Amino acid sequence: MPDNTFDAERHVDRMAAALGLAIDPDHRPGVVANMARTAEIARLVTEFPLPDMVELAPAFRPGEQS
């Protein structure tokens, strides 16, 4: 079974390299901390159990009346 542990430091380094983004060394700890927190929030959302009977919300279209 693969290890699904999210490594925020590795992710930040790889994404910065892929985007050609230079991260100031003084700012890197904050960027990594924010990425780790964002990943935790995303995990809470994606793992939240929903019953099969839940329907999708309608799409919002500006200017349309419901």
Protein backbone atom coordinates (compact mmCIF):
# COMPACT_ATOMS: atom_id res chain seq x y z
CA MET A 1 0.00 0.00 0.00
CA PRO A 2 1.45 3.43 -0.92
CA ASP A 3 2.33 5.93 1.77
CA ASN A 4 -0.18 8.81 1.48
CA THR A 5 1.60 11.10 3.94
CA PHE A 6 1.71 14.61 2.51
CA ASP A 7 5.16 16.20 2.65
CA ALA A 8 4.56 19.96 2.49
CA GLU A 9 8.26 20.83 2.22
CA ARG A 10 8.80 18.49 -0.72
CA HIS A 11 5.61 19.70 -2.38
CA VAL A 12 6.59 23.38 -2.04
CA ASP A 13 10.06 22.67 -3.44
CA ARG A 14 8.74 20.70 -6.43
CA MET A 15 5.95 23.14 -7.25
CA ALA A 16 8.30 26.11 -6.99
CA ALA A 17 10.69 24.37 -9.38
CA ALA A 18 7.89 23.42 -11.79
CA LEU A 19 6.59 27.00 -11.82
CA GLY A 20 10.02 28.62 -11.94
CA LEU A 21 9.12 30.40 -8.71
CA ALA A 22 11.88 31.62 -6.42
CA ILE A 23 10.90 31.50 -2.75
CA ASP A 24 12.93 33.73 -0.48
CA PRO A 25 14.58 31.53 2.16
CA ASP A 26 13.19 33.82 4.88
CA HIS A 27 9.64 33.20 3.59
CA ARG A 28 9.93 29.46 2.97
CA PRO A 29 8.94 28.34 6.50
CA GLY A 30 5.71 30.33 6.24
CA VAL A 31 4.97 29.01 2.76
CA VAL A 32 5.52 25.43 3.94
CA ALA A 33 3.36 25.98 7.04
CA ASN A 34 0.54 27.41 4.92
CA MET A 35 0.77 24.52 2.46
CA ALA A 36 0.61 21.98 5.30
CA ARG A 37 -2.46 23.71 6.77
CA THR A 38 -4.13 23.92 3.36
CA ALA A 39 -3.52 20.20 2.84
CA GLU A 40 -5.08 19.45 6.24
CA ILE A 41 -8.18 21.51 5.39
CA ALA A 42 -8.45 19.76 2.02
CA ARG A 43 -8.18 16.37 3.75
CA LEU A 44 -11.03 17.27 6.09
CA VAL A 45 -13.22 18.28 3.15
CA THR A 46 -12.42 15.32 0.91
CA GLU A 47 -12.79 12.76 3.71
CA PHE A 48 -16.12 14.13 4.96
CA PRO A 49 -18.68 11.34 4.54
CA LEU A 50 -21.70 12.19 2.41
CA PRO A 51 -24.71 9.90 2.00
CA ASP A 52 -25.36 8.59 -1.52
CA MET A 53 -28.70 10.41 -1.59
CA VAL A 54 -27.11 13.90 -1.42
CA GLU A 55 -27.80 15.90 -4.58
CA LEU A 56 -25.42 18.35 -6.21
CA ALA A 57 -26.05 22.01 -5.61
CA PRO A 58 -27.30 23.96 -8.64
CA ALA A 59 -24.69 25.92 -10.56
CA PHE A 60 -24.48 29.64 -9.81
CA ARG A 61 -24.81 31.78 -12.92
CA PRO A 62 -24.60 35.53 -12.33
CA GLY A 63 -27.60 37.46 -13.55
CA GLU A 64 -29.96 34.46 -13.68
CA GLN A 65 -33.01 34.38 -11.46
CA SER A 66 -33.95 31.11 -9.80
